[in-house]
mmCIF file of all heavy atoms, coordinates in Angstrom:
data_MODEL
# 
_entry.id   MODEL 
# 
loop_
_atom_site.group_PDB 
_atom_site.id 
_atom_site.type_symbol 
_atom_site.label_atom_id 
_atom_site.label_alt_id 
_atom_site.label_comp_id 
_atom_site.label_asym_id 
_atom_site.label_entity_id 
_atom_site.label_seq_id 
_atom_site.pdbx_PDB_ins_code 
_atom_site.Cartn_x 
_atom_site.Cartn_y 
_atom_site.Cartn_z 
_atom_site.occupancy 
_atom_site.B_iso_or_equiv 
_atom_site.pdbx_formal_charge 
_atom_site.auth_seq_id 
_atom_site.auth_comp_id 
_atom_site.auth_asym_id 
_atom_site.auth_atom_id 
_atom_site.pdbx_PDB_model_num 
ATOM 1   N N   . ARG A 1 1  ? 0.876  -1.271  0.029   1.00 0.00 ? 1  ARG A N   1 
ATOM 2   C CA  . ARG A 1 1  ? -0.016 -0.064  -0.002  1.00 0.00 ? 1  ARG A CA  1 
ATOM 3   C C   . ARG A 1 1  ? 0.837  1.222   0.030   1.00 0.00 ? 1  ARG A C   1 
ATOM 4   O O   . ARG A 1 1  ? 0.473  2.378   -0.387  1.00 0.00 ? 1  ARG A O   1 
ATOM 5   C CB  . ARG A 1 1  ? -0.893 -0.019  1.194   1.00 0.00 ? 1  ARG A CB  1 
ATOM 6   C CG  . ARG A 1 1  ? -1.978 -0.946  1.094   1.00 0.00 ? 1  ARG A CG  1 
ATOM 7   C CD  . ARG A 1 1  ? -2.956 -0.913  2.279   1.00 0.00 ? 1  ARG A CD  1 
ATOM 8   N NE  . ARG A 1 1  ? -4.034 -2.007  2.146   1.00 0.00 ? 1  ARG A NE  1 
ATOM 9   C CZ  . ARG A 1 1  ? -4.701 -2.366  3.127   1.00 0.00 ? 1  ARG A CZ  1 
ATOM 10  N NH1 . ARG A 1 1  ? -4.444 -1.873  4.333   1.00 0.00 ? 1  ARG A NH1 1 
ATOM 11  N NH2 . ARG A 1 1  ? -5.543 -3.245  2.945   1.00 0.00 ? 1  ARG A NH2 1 
ATOM 12  N N   . GLN A 1 2  ? 2.189  1.128   0.375   1.00 0.00 ? 2  GLN A N   1 
ATOM 13  C CA  . GLN A 1 2  ? 3.002  2.217   0.413   1.00 0.00 ? 2  GLN A CA  1 
ATOM 14  C C   . GLN A 1 2  ? 3.312  2.856   -0.977  1.00 0.00 ? 2  GLN A C   1 
ATOM 15  O O   . GLN A 1 2  ? 3.341  4.000   -1.045  1.00 0.00 ? 2  GLN A O   1 
ATOM 16  C CB  . GLN A 1 2  ? 4.336  1.737   1.006   1.00 0.00 ? 2  GLN A CB  1 
ATOM 17  C CG  . GLN A 1 2  ? 4.902  2.593   2.178   1.00 0.00 ? 2  GLN A CG  1 
ATOM 18  C CD  . GLN A 1 2  ? 6.052  1.974   2.718   1.00 0.00 ? 2  GLN A CD  1 
ATOM 19  O OE1 . GLN A 1 2  ? 6.365  0.831   2.642   1.00 0.00 ? 2  GLN A OE1 1 
ATOM 20  N NE2 . GLN A 1 2  ? 6.923  2.743   3.381   1.00 0.00 ? 2  GLN A NE2 1 
ATOM 21  N N   . LYS A 1 3  ? 3.364  2.013   -1.944  1.00 0.00 ? 3  LYS A N   1 
ATOM 22  C CA  . LYS A 1 3  ? 3.477  2.377   -3.335  1.00 0.00 ? 3  LYS A CA  1 
ATOM 23  C C   . LYS A 1 3  ? 4.649  3.269   -3.592  1.00 0.00 ? 3  LYS A C   1 
ATOM 24  O O   . LYS A 1 3  ? 4.643  4.026   -4.618  1.00 0.00 ? 3  LYS A O   1 
ATOM 25  C CB  . LYS A 1 3  ? 2.253  3.013   -3.870  1.00 0.00 ? 3  LYS A CB  1 
ATOM 26  C CG  . LYS A 1 3  ? 1.043  2.039   -3.767  1.00 0.00 ? 3  LYS A CG  1 
ATOM 27  C CD  . LYS A 1 3  ? -0.068 2.562   -4.702  1.00 0.00 ? 3  LYS A CD  1 
ATOM 28  C CE  . LYS A 1 3  ? -1.261 1.613   -4.816  1.00 0.00 ? 3  LYS A CE  1 
ATOM 29  N NZ  . LYS A 1 3  ? -1.758 1.136   -3.608  1.00 0.00 ? 3  LYS A NZ  1 
ATOM 30  N N   . GLY A 1 4  ? 5.812  3.181   -2.894  1.00 0.00 ? 4  GLY A N   1 
ATOM 31  C CA  . GLY A 1 4  ? 7.005  3.982   -3.206  1.00 0.00 ? 4  GLY A CA  1 
ATOM 32  C C   . GLY A 1 4  ? 6.797  5.435   -2.734  1.00 0.00 ? 4  GLY A C   1 
ATOM 33  O O   . GLY A 1 4  ? 5.887  5.769   -2.182  1.00 0.00 ? 4  GLY A O   1 
ATOM 34  N N   . HIS A 1 5  ? 7.754  6.207   -3.197  1.00 0.00 ? 5  HIS A N   1 
ATOM 35  C CA  . HIS A 1 5  ? 7.777  7.705   -2.886  1.00 0.00 ? 5  HIS A CA  1 
ATOM 36  C C   . HIS A 1 5  ? 8.685  8.347   -3.908  1.00 0.00 ? 5  HIS A C   1 
ATOM 37  O O   . HIS A 1 5  ? 9.346  7.719   -4.675  1.00 0.00 ? 5  HIS A O   1 
ATOM 38  C CB  . HIS A 1 5  ? 8.216  7.886   -1.469  1.00 0.00 ? 5  HIS A CB  1 
ATOM 39  C CG  . HIS A 1 5  ? 9.577  7.382   -1.234  1.00 0.00 ? 5  HIS A CG  1 
ATOM 40  N ND1 . HIS A 1 5  ? 9.892  6.112   -0.932  1.00 0.00 ? 5  HIS A ND1 1 
ATOM 41  C CD2 . HIS A 1 5  ? 10.820 8.127   -1.311  1.00 0.00 ? 5  HIS A CD2 1 
ATOM 42  C CE1 . HIS A 1 5  ? 11.188 6.041   -0.749  1.00 0.00 ? 5  HIS A CE1 1 
ATOM 43  N NE2 . HIS A 1 5  ? 11.774 7.126   -0.946  1.00 0.00 ? 5  HIS A NE2 1 
ATOM 44  N N   . THR A 1 6  ? 8.544  9.677   -3.927  1.00 0.00 ? 6  THR A N   1 
ATOM 45  C CA  . THR A 1 6  ? 9.284  10.613  -4.912  1.00 0.00 ? 6  THR A CA  1 
ATOM 46  C C   . THR A 1 6  ? 10.498 11.033  -4.101  1.00 0.00 ? 6  THR A C   1 
ATOM 47  O O   . THR A 1 6  ? 10.417 11.473  -3.013  1.00 0.00 ? 6  THR A O   1 
ATOM 48  C CB  . THR A 1 6  ? 8.470  11.711  -5.355  1.00 0.00 ? 6  THR A CB  1 
ATOM 49  O OG1 . THR A 1 6  ? 7.232  11.141  -5.926  1.00 0.00 ? 6  THR A OG1 1 
ATOM 50  C CG2 . THR A 1 6  ? 9.144  12.420  -6.503  1.00 0.00 ? 6  THR A CG2 1 
ATOM 51  N N   . GLU A 1 7  ? 11.680 11.174  -4.709  1.00 0.00 ? 7  GLU A N   1 
ATOM 52  C CA  . GLU A 1 7  ? 12.891 11.624  -4.141  1.00 0.00 ? 7  GLU A CA  1 
ATOM 53  C C   . GLU A 1 7  ? 13.478 12.693  -5.086  1.00 0.00 ? 7  GLU A C   1 
ATOM 54  O O   . GLU A 1 7  ? 13.263 12.589  -6.361  1.00 0.00 ? 7  GLU A O   1 
ATOM 55  C CB  . GLU A 1 7  ? 13.915 10.526  -3.842  1.00 0.00 ? 7  GLU A CB  1 
ATOM 56  C CG  . GLU A 1 7  ? 13.572 9.733   -2.738  1.00 0.00 ? 7  GLU A CG  1 
ATOM 57  C CD  . GLU A 1 7  ? 14.641 8.801   -2.163  1.00 0.00 ? 7  GLU A CD  1 
ATOM 58  O OE1 . GLU A 1 7  ? 15.823 8.892   -2.737  1.00 0.00 ? 7  GLU A OE1 1 
ATOM 59  O OE2 . GLU A 1 7  ? 14.333 7.969   -1.345  1.00 0.00 ? 7  GLU A OE2 1 
ATOM 60  N N   . LEU A 1 8  ? 14.358 13.546  -4.628  1.00 0.00 ? 8  LEU A N   1 
ATOM 61  C CA  . LEU A 1 8  ? 15.100 14.509  -5.399  1.00 0.00 ? 8  LEU A CA  1 
ATOM 62  C C   . LEU A 1 8  ? 16.601 14.111  -5.402  1.00 0.00 ? 8  LEU A C   1 
ATOM 63  O O   . LEU A 1 8  ? 17.137 13.897  -4.309  1.00 0.00 ? 8  LEU A O   1 
ATOM 64  C CB  . LEU A 1 8  ? 14.858 15.923  -4.890  1.00 0.00 ? 8  LEU A CB  1 
ATOM 65  C CG  . LEU A 1 8  ? 14.215 16.890  -5.757  1.00 0.00 ? 8  LEU A CG  1 
ATOM 66  C CD1 . LEU A 1 8  ? 12.837 17.274  -5.087  1.00 0.00 ? 8  LEU A CD1 1 
ATOM 67  C CD2 . LEU A 1 8  ? 15.039 18.022  -6.130  1.00 0.00 ? 8  LEU A CD2 1 
ATOM 68  N N   . TYR A 1 9  ? 17.263 14.105  -6.560  1.00 0.00 ? 9  TYR A N   1 
ATOM 69  C CA  . TYR A 1 9  ? 18.695 13.735  -6.534  1.00 0.00 ? 9  TYR A CA  1 
ATOM 70  C C   . TYR A 1 9  ? 19.220 14.645  -7.603  1.00 0.00 ? 9  TYR A C   1 
ATOM 71  O O   . TYR A 1 9  ? 18.864 14.756  -8.814  1.00 0.00 ? 9  TYR A O   1 
ATOM 72  C CB  . TYR A 1 9  ? 18.891 12.226  -7.034  1.00 0.00 ? 9  TYR A CB  1 
ATOM 73  C CG  . TYR A 1 9  ? 20.321 11.962  -7.149  1.00 0.00 ? 9  TYR A CG  1 
ATOM 74  C CD1 . TYR A 1 9  ? 21.142 11.825  -6.065  1.00 0.00 ? 9  TYR A CD1 1 
ATOM 75  C CD2 . TYR A 1 9  ? 20.893 11.729  -8.457  1.00 0.00 ? 9  TYR A CD2 1 
ATOM 76  C CE1 . TYR A 1 9  ? 22.530 11.486  -6.149  1.00 0.00 ? 9  TYR A CE1 1 
ATOM 77  C CE2 . TYR A 1 9  ? 22.220 11.404  -8.558  1.00 0.00 ? 9  TYR A CE2 1 
ATOM 78  C CZ  . TYR A 1 9  ? 23.015 11.293  -7.403  1.00 0.00 ? 9  TYR A CZ  1 
ATOM 79  O OH  . TYR A 1 9  ? 24.395 11.044  -7.516  1.00 0.00 ? 9  TYR A OH  1 
ATOM 80  N N   . ARG A 1 10 ? 20.239 15.622  -7.149  1.00 0.00 ? 10 ARG A N   1 
ATOM 81  C CA  . ARG A 1 10 ? 20.841 16.575  -7.998  1.00 0.00 ? 10 ARG A CA  1 
ATOM 82  C C   . ARG A 1 10 ? 19.821 17.390  -8.842  1.00 0.00 ? 10 ARG A C   1 
ATOM 83  O O   . ARG A 1 10 ? 20.026 17.600  -10.017 1.00 0.00 ? 10 ARG A O   1 
ATOM 84  C CB  . ARG A 1 10 ? 21.813 15.938  -8.902  1.00 0.00 ? 10 ARG A CB  1 
ATOM 85  C CG  . ARG A 1 10 ? 22.991 15.291  -8.150  1.00 0.00 ? 10 ARG A CG  1 
ATOM 86  C CD  . ARG A 1 10 ? 24.056 14.803  -9.065  1.00 0.00 ? 10 ARG A CD  1 
ATOM 87  N NE  . ARG A 1 10 ? 25.148 14.285  -8.297  1.00 0.00 ? 10 ARG A NE  1 
ATOM 88  C CZ  . ARG A 1 10 ? 26.333 13.915  -8.765  1.00 0.00 ? 10 ARG A CZ  1 
ATOM 89  N NH1 . ARG A 1 10 ? 26.591 14.103  -10.015 1.00 0.00 ? 10 ARG A NH1 1 
ATOM 90  N NH2 . ARG A 1 10 ? 27.196 13.414  -7.885  1.00 0.00 ? 10 ARG A NH2 1 
ATOM 91  N N   . GLY A 1 11 ? 18.761 17.762  -8.174  1.00 0.00 ? 11 GLY A N   1 
ATOM 92  C CA  . GLY A 1 11 ? 17.825 18.652  -8.804  1.00 0.00 ? 11 GLY A CA  1 
ATOM 93  C C   . GLY A 1 11 ? 16.762 17.864  -9.559  1.00 0.00 ? 11 GLY A C   1 
ATOM 94  O O   . GLY A 1 11 ? 15.767 18.479  -10.146 1.00 0.00 ? 11 GLY A O   1 
ATOM 95  N N   . ALA A 1 12 ? 16.903 16.677  -9.813  1.00 0.00 ? 12 ALA A N   1 
ATOM 96  C CA  . ALA A 1 12 ? 15.951 15.965  -10.647 1.00 0.00 ? 12 ALA A CA  1 
ATOM 97  C C   . ALA A 1 12 ? 15.089 15.099  -9.756  1.00 0.00 ? 12 ALA A C   1 
ATOM 98  O O   . ALA A 1 12 ? 15.551 14.393  -8.823  1.00 0.00 ? 12 ALA A O   1 
ATOM 99  C CB  . ALA A 1 12 ? 16.681 14.934  -11.627 1.00 0.00 ? 12 ALA A CB  1 
ATOM 100 N N   . GLU A 1 13 ? 13.882 15.075  -10.020 1.00 0.00 ? 13 GLU A N   1 
ATOM 101 C CA  . GLU A 1 13 ? 12.919 14.271  -9.239  1.00 0.00 ? 13 GLU A CA  1 
ATOM 102 C C   . GLU A 1 13 ? 12.658 12.939  -9.861  1.00 0.00 ? 13 GLU A C   1 
ATOM 103 O O   . GLU A 1 13 ? 12.602 12.793  -11.057 1.00 0.00 ? 13 GLU A O   1 
ATOM 104 C CB  . GLU A 1 13 ? 11.499 14.998  -9.268  1.00 0.00 ? 13 GLU A CB  1 
ATOM 105 C CG  . GLU A 1 13 ? 10.596 14.473  -8.269  1.00 0.00 ? 13 GLU A CG  1 
ATOM 106 C CD  . GLU A 1 13 ? 9.278  15.360  -8.044  1.00 0.00 ? 13 GLU A CD  1 
ATOM 107 O OE1 . GLU A 1 13 ? 9.331  16.293  -7.408  1.00 0.00 ? 13 GLU A OE1 1 
ATOM 108 O OE2 . GLU A 1 13 ? 8.326  14.931  -8.856  1.00 0.00 ? 13 GLU A OE2 1 
ATOM 109 N N   . TYR A 1 14 ? 12.670 11.904  -9.028  1.00 0.00 ? 14 TYR A N   1 
ATOM 110 C CA  . TYR A 1 14 ? 12.419 10.518  -9.609  1.00 0.00 ? 14 TYR A CA  1 
ATOM 111 C C   . TYR A 1 14 ? 11.646 9.765   -8.548  1.00 0.00 ? 14 TYR A C   1 
ATOM 112 O O   . TYR A 1 14 ? 11.664 10.041  -7.411  1.00 0.00 ? 14 TYR A O   1 
ATOM 113 C CB  . TYR A 1 14 ? 13.738 9.756   -9.970  1.00 0.00 ? 14 TYR A CB  1 
ATOM 114 C CG  . TYR A 1 14 ? 14.657 9.573   -8.711  1.00 0.00 ? 14 TYR A CG  1 
ATOM 115 C CD1 . TYR A 1 14 ? 14.653 8.220   -8.178  1.00 0.00 ? 14 TYR A CD1 1 
ATOM 116 C CD2 . TYR A 1 14 ? 15.525 10.458  -8.167  1.00 0.00 ? 14 TYR A CD2 1 
ATOM 117 C CE1 . TYR A 1 14 ? 15.464 7.995   -7.091  1.00 0.00 ? 14 TYR A CE1 1 
ATOM 118 C CE2 . TYR A 1 14 ? 16.313 10.197  -7.150  1.00 0.00 ? 14 TYR A CE2 1 
ATOM 119 C CZ  . TYR A 1 14 ? 16.249 8.972   -6.553  1.00 0.00 ? 14 TYR A CZ  1 
ATOM 120 O OH  . TYR A 1 14 ? 17.083 8.664   -5.532  1.00 0.00 ? 14 TYR A OH  1 
ATOM 121 N N   . VAL A 1 15 ? 10.914 8.716   -9.085  1.00 0.00 ? 15 VAL A N   1 
ATOM 122 C CA  . VAL A 1 15 ? 10.105 7.829   -8.310  1.00 0.00 ? 15 VAL A CA  1 
ATOM 123 C C   . VAL A 1 15 ? 10.765 6.644   -7.895  1.00 0.00 ? 15 VAL A C   1 
ATOM 124 O O   . VAL A 1 15 ? 11.376 5.992   -8.638  1.00 0.00 ? 15 VAL A O   1 
ATOM 125 C CB  . VAL A 1 15 ? 8.828  7.558   -8.987  1.00 0.00 ? 15 VAL A CB  1 
ATOM 126 C CG1 . VAL A 1 15 ? 7.948  6.610   -8.180  1.00 0.00 ? 15 VAL A CG1 1 
ATOM 127 C CG2 . VAL A 1 15 ? 8.107  8.720   -9.384  1.00 0.00 ? 15 VAL A CG2 1 
ATOM 128 N N   . VAL A 1 16 ? 10.782 6.364   -6.581  1.00 0.00 ? 16 VAL A N   1 
ATOM 129 C CA  . VAL A 1 16 ? 11.326 5.065   -5.975  1.00 0.00 ? 16 VAL A CA  1 
ATOM 130 C C   . VAL A 1 16 ? 10.109 4.092   -5.803  1.00 0.00 ? 16 VAL A C   1 
ATOM 131 O O   . VAL A 1 16 ? 9.331  4.243   -4.917  1.00 0.00 ? 16 VAL A O   1 
ATOM 132 C CB  . VAL A 1 16 ? 11.941 5.208   -4.624  1.00 0.00 ? 16 VAL A CB  1 
ATOM 133 C CG1 . VAL A 1 16 ? 12.542 3.903   -4.152  1.00 0.00 ? 16 VAL A CG1 1 
ATOM 134 C CG2 . VAL A 1 16 ? 13.161 6.262   -4.899  1.00 0.00 ? 16 VAL A CG2 1 
ATOM 135 N N   . ASP A 1 17 ? 9.898  3.237   -6.748  1.00 0.00 ? 17 ASP A N   1 
ATOM 136 C CA  . ASP A 1 17 ? 8.737  2.166   -6.742  1.00 0.00 ? 17 ASP A CA  1 
ATOM 137 C C   . ASP A 1 17 ? 8.974  1.212   -5.750  1.00 0.00 ? 17 ASP A C   1 
ATOM 138 O O   . ASP A 1 17 ? 8.118  0.771   -5.086  1.00 0.00 ? 17 ASP A O   1 
ATOM 139 C CB  . ASP A 1 17 ? 8.609  1.709   -8.139  1.00 0.00 ? 17 ASP A CB  1 
ATOM 140 C CG  . ASP A 1 17 ? 7.966  2.602   -9.132  1.00 0.00 ? 17 ASP A CG  1 
ATOM 141 O OD1 . ASP A 1 17 ? 7.321  3.575   -8.766  1.00 0.00 ? 17 ASP A OD1 1 
ATOM 142 O OD2 . ASP A 1 17 ? 8.293  2.445   -10.258 1.00 0.00 ? 17 ASP A OD2 1 
ATOM 143 N N   . PHE A 1 18 ? 10.136 0.577   -5.711  1.00 0.00 ? 18 PHE A N   1 
ATOM 144 C CA  . PHE A 1 18 ? 10.454 -0.490  -4.789  1.00 0.00 ? 18 PHE A CA  1 
ATOM 145 C C   . PHE A 1 18 ? 11.186 0.014   -3.622  1.00 0.00 ? 18 PHE A C   1 
ATOM 146 O O   . PHE A 1 18 ? 12.384 0.434   -3.842  1.00 0.00 ? 18 PHE A O   1 
ATOM 147 C CB  . PHE A 1 18 ? 11.176 -1.610  -5.538  1.00 0.00 ? 18 PHE A CB  1 
ATOM 148 C CG  . PHE A 1 18 ? 10.394 -2.256  -6.664  1.00 0.00 ? 18 PHE A CG  1 
ATOM 149 C CD1 . PHE A 1 18 ? 10.476 -1.847  -8.015  1.00 0.00 ? 18 PHE A CD1 1 
ATOM 150 C CD2 . PHE A 1 18 ? 9.458  -3.284  -6.339  1.00 0.00 ? 18 PHE A CD2 1 
ATOM 151 C CE1 . PHE A 1 18 ? 9.778  -2.373  -8.955  1.00 0.00 ? 18 PHE A CE1 1 
ATOM 152 C CE2 . PHE A 1 18 ? 8.722  -3.832  -7.382  1.00 0.00 ? 18 PHE A CE2 1 
ATOM 153 C CZ  . PHE A 1 18 ? 8.813  -3.346  -8.552  1.00 0.00 ? 18 PHE A CZ  1 
ATOM 154 N N   . LEU A 1 19 ? 10.670 -0.321  -2.388  1.00 0.00 ? 19 LEU A N   1 
ATOM 155 C CA  . LEU A 1 19 ? 11.349 0.148   -1.236  1.00 0.00 ? 19 LEU A CA  1 
ATOM 156 C C   . LEU A 1 19 ? 12.190 -1.037  -0.572  1.00 0.00 ? 19 LEU A C   1 
ATOM 157 O O   . LEU A 1 19 ? 11.842 -2.175  -0.650  1.00 0.00 ? 19 LEU A O   1 
ATOM 158 C CB  . LEU A 1 19 ? 10.302 0.594   -0.156  1.00 0.00 ? 19 LEU A CB  1 
ATOM 159 C CG  . LEU A 1 19 ? 9.432  1.751   -0.763  1.00 0.00 ? 19 LEU A CG  1 
ATOM 160 C CD1 . LEU A 1 19 ? 8.148  1.965   0.195   1.00 0.00 ? 19 LEU A CD1 1 
ATOM 161 C CD2 . LEU A 1 19 ? 10.216 3.127   -0.801  1.00 0.00 ? 19 LEU A CD2 1 
ATOM 162 N N   . PRO A 1 20 ? 13.271 -0.656  0.136   1.00 0.00 ? 20 PRO A N   1 
ATOM 163 C CA  . PRO A 1 20 ? 14.119 -1.654  0.632   1.00 0.00 ? 20 PRO A CA  1 
ATOM 164 C C   . PRO A 1 20 ? 13.376 -2.370  1.940   1.00 0.00 ? 20 PRO A C   1 
ATOM 165 O O   . PRO A 1 20 ? 12.842 -1.590  2.704   1.00 0.00 ? 20 PRO A O   1 
ATOM 166 C CB  . PRO A 1 20 ? 15.354 -0.977  1.110   1.00 0.00 ? 20 PRO A CB  1 
ATOM 167 C CG  . PRO A 1 20 ? 15.057 0.498   1.095   1.00 0.00 ? 20 PRO A CG  1 
ATOM 168 C CD  . PRO A 1 20 ? 13.830 0.677   0.186   1.00 0.00 ? 20 PRO A CD  1 
ATOM 169 N N   . LYS A 1 21 ? 13.389 -3.586  1.981   1.00 0.00 ? 21 LYS A N   1 
ATOM 170 C CA  . LYS A 1 21 ? 12.757 -4.359  2.999   1.00 0.00 ? 21 LYS A CA  1 
ATOM 171 C C   . LYS A 1 21 ? 13.779 -5.520  3.388   1.00 0.00 ? 21 LYS A C   1 
ATOM 172 O O   . LYS A 1 21 ? 14.736 -5.726  2.733   1.00 0.00 ? 21 LYS A O   1 
ATOM 173 C CB  . LYS A 1 21 ? 11.487 -4.915  2.664   1.00 0.00 ? 21 LYS A CB  1 
ATOM 174 C CG  . LYS A 1 21 ? 10.396 -3.907  2.154   1.00 0.00 ? 21 LYS A CG  1 
ATOM 175 C CD  . LYS A 1 21 ? 9.920  -3.168  3.373   1.00 0.00 ? 21 LYS A CD  1 
ATOM 176 C CE  . LYS A 1 21 ? 8.850  -2.161  2.891   1.00 0.00 ? 21 LYS A CE  1 
ATOM 177 N NZ  . LYS A 1 21 ? 8.218  -1.501  4.000   1.00 0.00 ? 21 LYS A NZ  1 
ATOM 178 N N   . ILE A 1 22 ? 13.528 -6.105  4.532   1.00 0.00 ? 22 ILE A N   1 
ATOM 179 C CA  . ILE A 1 22 ? 14.124 -7.328  4.969   1.00 0.00 ? 22 ILE A CA  1 
ATOM 180 C C   . ILE A 1 22 ? 13.257 -8.481  5.029   1.00 0.00 ? 22 ILE A C   1 
ATOM 181 O O   . ILE A 1 22 ? 12.063 -8.387  5.552   1.00 0.00 ? 22 ILE A O   1 
ATOM 182 C CB  . ILE A 1 22 ? 14.855 -7.066  6.323   1.00 0.00 ? 22 ILE A CB  1 
ATOM 183 C CG1 . ILE A 1 22 ? 15.867 -5.941  6.269   1.00 0.00 ? 22 ILE A CG1 1 
ATOM 184 C CG2 . ILE A 1 22 ? 15.370 -8.446  6.939   1.00 0.00 ? 22 ILE A CG2 1 
ATOM 185 C CD1 . ILE A 1 22 ? 17.114 -6.297  5.503   1.00 0.00 ? 22 ILE A CD1 1 
ATOM 186 N N   . LYS A 1 23 ? 13.570 -9.639  4.473   1.00 0.00 ? 23 LYS A N   1 
ATOM 187 C CA  . LYS A 1 23 ? 12.794 -10.831 4.583   1.00 0.00 ? 23 LYS A CA  1 
ATOM 188 C C   . LYS A 1 23 ? 13.476 -11.738 5.594   1.00 0.00 ? 23 LYS A C   1 
ATOM 189 O O   . LYS A 1 23 ? 14.680 -12.186 5.459   1.00 0.00 ? 23 LYS A O   1 
ATOM 190 C CB  . LYS A 1 23 ? 12.577 -11.582 3.235   1.00 0.00 ? 23 LYS A CB  1 
ATOM 191 C CG  . LYS A 1 23 ? 11.814 -12.866 3.440   1.00 0.00 ? 23 LYS A CG  1 
ATOM 192 C CD  . LYS A 1 23 ? 11.230 -13.401 2.123   1.00 0.00 ? 23 LYS A CD  1 
ATOM 193 C CE  . LYS A 1 23 ? 12.265 -13.853 1.206   1.00 0.00 ? 23 LYS A CE  1 
ATOM 194 N NZ  . LYS A 1 23 ? 11.679 -14.599 0.092   1.00 0.00 ? 23 LYS A NZ  1 
ATOM 195 N N   . VAL A 1 24 ? 12.799 -12.057 6.637   1.00 0.00 ? 24 VAL A N   1 
ATOM 196 C CA  . VAL A 1 24 ? 13.316 -13.029 7.710   1.00 0.00 ? 24 VAL A CA  1 
ATOM 197 C C   . VAL A 1 24 ? 12.548 -14.320 7.501   1.00 0.00 ? 24 VAL A C   1 
ATOM 198 O O   . VAL A 1 24 ? 11.289 -14.381 7.444   1.00 0.00 ? 24 VAL A O   1 
ATOM 199 C CB  . VAL A 1 24 ? 12.960 -12.412 9.158   1.00 0.00 ? 24 VAL A CB  1 
ATOM 200 C CG1 . VAL A 1 24 ? 13.505 -13.460 10.165  1.00 0.00 ? 24 VAL A CG1 1 
ATOM 201 C CG2 . VAL A 1 24 ? 13.709 -11.121 9.341   1.00 0.00 ? 24 VAL A CG2 1 
ATOM 202 N N   . GLU A 1 25 ? 13.334 -15.365 7.419   1.00 0.00 ? 25 GLU A N   1 
ATOM 203 C CA  . GLU A 1 25 ? 12.660 -16.688 7.199   1.00 0.00 ? 25 GLU A CA  1 
ATOM 204 C C   . GLU A 1 25 ? 13.174 -17.696 8.430   1.00 0.00 ? 25 GLU A C   1 
ATOM 205 O O   . GLU A 1 25 ? 14.273 -17.659 8.707   1.00 0.00 ? 25 GLU A O   1 
ATOM 206 C CB  . GLU A 1 25 ? 13.063 -17.406 5.916   1.00 0.00 ? 25 GLU A CB  1 
ATOM 207 C CG  . GLU A 1 25 ? 12.723 -16.545 4.641   1.00 0.00 ? 25 GLU A CG  1 
ATOM 208 C CD  . GLU A 1 25 ? 13.245 -17.174 3.488   1.00 0.00 ? 25 GLU A CD  1 
ATOM 209 O OE1 . GLU A 1 25 ? 14.410 -16.751 3.113   1.00 0.00 ? 25 GLU A OE1 1 
ATOM 210 O OE2 . GLU A 1 25 ? 12.550 -17.935 2.755   1.00 0.00 ? 25 GLU A OE2 1 
ATOM 211 N N   . LEU A 1 26 ? 12.220 -18.377 8.892   1.00 0.00 ? 26 LEU A N   1 
ATOM 212 C CA  . LEU A 1 26 ? 12.589 -19.367 9.956   1.00 0.00 ? 26 LEU A CA  1 
ATOM 213 C C   . LEU A 1 26 ? 11.572 -20.606 9.864   1.00 0.00 ? 26 LEU A C   1 
ATOM 214 O O   . LEU A 1 26 ? 10.438 -20.456 9.489   1.00 0.00 ? 26 LEU A O   1 
ATOM 215 C CB  . LEU A 1 26 ? 12.615 -18.758 11.395  1.00 0.00 ? 26 LEU A CB  1 
ATOM 216 C CG  . LEU A 1 26 ? 11.316 -18.054 11.809  1.00 0.00 ? 26 LEU A CG  1 
ATOM 217 C CD1 . LEU A 1 26 ? 11.036 -18.305 13.297  1.00 0.00 ? 26 LEU A CD1 1 
ATOM 218 C CD2 . LEU A 1 26 ? 11.361 -16.522 11.586  1.00 0.00 ? 26 LEU A CD2 1 
# 
């Protein structure tokens, strides 16, 4: 539901679609 977010890098705006997460398996 987060659907990524928008960031600014060196004056250019870009969309970060995939966010970093951690998968824990046990």
